[in-house]
Amino acid sequence: MLHFELVTPEKLVRSESVYMVTVPGTEGDFGVLEGHAPFMSTIRDGDVLIQRSEKGEAERIAIRGGFAEVTAKGLTILAEQAG
């Protein structure tokens, strides 16, 4: 499972283990699974799609601006606004 955190300047919005997260990057959407290579991207306004299981329906969270970073520990999204 992928460790995923969604953080805004005000609070930690999410911190959980999920199957996959799709992020609205400024160069296009990208999906992150467990074991993804280290990566950093700016993000555009849009929806983060969170899948808790491989066949599960994605939950959408609207975000505005920020950065996404993939490390060996997982995916962290630092968004200007979320929700």
C-alpha atoms as a PDB file:
ATOM      1  CA  MET A   1       0.000   0.000   0.000  1.00  0.00           C
ATOM      2  CA  LEU A   2       1.032   3.592  -0.686  1.00  0.00           C
ATOM      3  CA  HIS A   3       1.323   6.001   2.250  1.00  0.00           C
ATOM      4  CA  PHE A   4      -0.505   9.201   1.238  1.00  0.00           C
ATOM      5  CA  GLU A   5      -0.648  12.570   2.952  1.00  0.00           C
ATOM      6  CA  LEU A   6      -2.578  15.659   1.871  1.00  0.00           C
ATOM      7  CA  VAL A   7      -1.520  18.800   3.719  1.00  0.00           C
ATOM      8  CA  THR A   8      -2.625  22.451   3.541  1.00  0.00           C
ATOM      9  CA  PRO A   9      -1.106  25.408   5.401  1.00  0.00           C
ATOM     10  CA  GLU A  10      -3.947  25.076   7.945  1.00  0.00           C
ATOM     11  CA  LYS A  11      -3.985  21.330   8.651  1.00  0.00           C
ATOM     12  CA  LEU A  12      -3.251  17.726   7.779  1.00  0.00           C
ATOM     13  CA  VAL A  13      -6.257  16.778   5.616  1.00  0.00           C
ATOM     14  CA  ARG A  14      -5.433  13.076   5.057  1.00  0.00           C
ATOM     15  CA  SER A  15      -2.840  10.572   6.202  1.00  0.00           C
ATOM     16  CA  GLU A  16      -3.627   7.003   5.173  1.00  0.00           C
ATOM     17  CA  SER A  17      -2.526   3.944   3.240  1.00  0.00           C
ATOM     18  CA  VAL A  18      -4.170   3.661  -0.180  1.00  0.00           C
ATOM     19  CA  TYR A  19      -3.802   1.658  -3.381  1.00  0.00           C
ATOM     20  CA  MET A  20      -3.307   4.560  -5.838  1.00  0.00           C
ATOM     21  CA  VAL A  21      -3.551   8.349  -6.063  1.00  0.00           C
ATOM     22  CA  THR A  22      -3.995  10.325  -9.289  1.00  0.00           C
ATOM     23  CA  VAL A  23      -2.664  13.886  -9.060  1.00  0.00           C
ATOM     24  CA  PRO A  24      -3.445  16.879 -11.326  1.00  0.00           C
ATOM     25  CA  GLY A  25       0.129  17.846 -12.239  1.00  0.00           C
ATOM     26  CA  THR A  26       0.852  21.010 -14.222  1.00  0.00           C
ATOM     27  CA  GLU A  27       2.267  18.828 -17.023  1.00  0.00           C
ATOM     28  CA  GLY A  28      -0.722  16.473 -16.889  1.00  0.00           C
ATOM     29  CA  ASP A  29      -2.315  14.015 -14.489  1.00  0.00           C
ATOM     30  CA  PHE A  30      -0.103  11.278 -13.047  1.00  0.00           C
ATOM     31  CA  GLY A  31      -0.844   8.189 -11.001  1.00  0.00           C
ATOM     32  CA  VAL A  32       1.226   7.049  -8.041  1.00  0.00           C
ATOM     33  CA  LEU A  33       1.346   3.456  -6.769  1.00  0.00           C
ATOM     34  CA  GLU A  34       3.492   1.927  -4.031  1.00  0.00           C
ATOM     35  CA  GLY A  35       7.123   1.719  -5.173  1.00  0.00           C
ATOM     36  CA  HIS A  36       6.924   4.708  -7.559  1.00  0.00           C
ATOM     37  CA  ALA A  37      10.275   6.295  -8.400  1.00  0.00           C
ATOM     38  CA  PRO A  38      11.102   9.510  -6.490  1.00  0.00           C
ATOM     39  CA  PHE A  39       9.418  12.423  -8.226  1.00  0.00           C
ATOM     40  CA  MET A  40       8.404  16.034  -7.626  1.00  0.00           C
ATOM     41  CA  SER A  41       5.844  18.106  -9.498  1.00  0.00           C
ATOM     42  CA  THR A  42       3.889  21.309  -9.205  1.00  0.00           C
ATOM     43  CA  ILE A  43       0.151  20.764  -9.253  1.00  0.00           C
ATOM     44  CA  ARG A  44      -2.689  22.660 -10.876  1.00  0.00           C
ATOM     45  CA  ASP A  45      -6.196  23.230  -9.586  1.00  0.00           C
ATOM     46  CA  GLY A  46      -8.207  20.043  -9.953  1.00  0.00           C
ATOM     47  CA  ASP A  47      -9.240  16.829  -8.234  1.00  0.00           C
ATOM     48  CA  VAL A  48      -7.002  14.329  -6.470  1.00  0.00           C
ATOM     49  CA  LEU A  49      -8.408  10.826  -7.035  1.00  0.00           C
ATOM     50  CA  ILE A  50      -7.829   8.398  -4.164  1.00  0.00           C
ATOM     51  CA  GLN A  51      -8.355   4.648  -4.657  1.00  0.00           C
ATOM     52  CA  ARG A  52      -8.292   2.622  -1.444  1.00  0.00           C
ATOM     53  CA  SER A  53      -8.225  -0.699  -3.330  1.00  0.00           C
ATOM     54  CA  GLU A  54      -7.333  -1.835  -6.850  1.00  0.00           C
ATOM     55  CA  LYS A  55     -10.951  -2.178  -7.964  1.00  0.00           C
ATOM     56  CA  GLY A  56     -12.387   0.424  -5.604  1.00  0.00           C
ATOM     57  CA  GLU A  57     -14.145   3.562  -6.742  1.00  0.00           C
ATOM     58  CA  ALA A  58     -12.009   6.695  -6.518  1.00  0.00           C
ATOM     59  CA  GLU A  59     -12.781   9.388  -3.978  1.00  0.00           C
ATOM     60  CA  ARG A  60     -12.302  12.958  -5.268  1.00  0.00           C
ATOM     61  CA  ILE A  61     -10.857  15.832  -3.270  1.00  0.00           C
ATOM     62  CA  ALA A  62     -10.645  19.242  -4.936  1.00  0.00           C
ATOM     63  CA  ILE A  63      -7.309  21.008  -4.488  1.00  0.00           C
ATOM     64  CA  ARG A  64      -5.830  24.341  -5.498  1.00  0.00           C
ATOM     65  CA  GLY A  65      -2.154  24.746  -6.394  1.00  0.00           C
ATOM     66  CA  GLY A  66       0.906  23.433  -4.607  1.00  0.00           C
ATOM     67  CA  PHE A  67       3.410  20.595  -4.928  1.00  0.00           C
ATOM     68  CA  ALA A  68       3.433  16.809  -4.952  1.00  0.00           C
ATOM     69  CA  GLU A  69       6.442  14.794  -3.813  1.00  0.00           C
ATOM     70  CA  VAL A  70       6.965  11.055  -4.122  1.00  0.00           C
ATOM     71  CA  THR A  71       9.663   9.536  -1.913  1.00  0.00           C
ATOM     72  CA  ALA A  72      10.464   6.056  -0.643  1.00  0.00           C
ATOM     73  CA  LYS A  73       8.046   6.836   2.231  1.00  0.00           C
ATOM     74  CA  GLY A  74       5.103   7.600  -0.078  1.00  0.00           C
ATOM     75  CA  LEU A  75       3.255  10.545  -1.647  1.00  0.00           C
ATOM     76  CA  THR A  76       2.849  13.927  -0.002  1.00  0.00           C
ATOM     77  CA  ILE A  77       0.731  16.676  -1.547  1.00  0.00           C
ATOM     78  CA  LEU A  78       1.240  20.178  -0.195  1.00  0.00           C
ATOM     79  CA  ALA A  79      -1.816  22.045  -1.478  1.00  0.00           C
ATOM     80  CA  GLU A  80      -2.699  25.711  -1.097  1.00  0.00           C
ATOM     81  CA  GLN A  81      -6.323  24.637  -0.457  1.00  0.00           C
ATOM     82  CA  ALA A  82      -8.118  21.294  -0.261  1.00  0.00           C
ATOM     83  CA  GLY A  83     -11.733  20.257   0.071  1.00  0.00           C
END
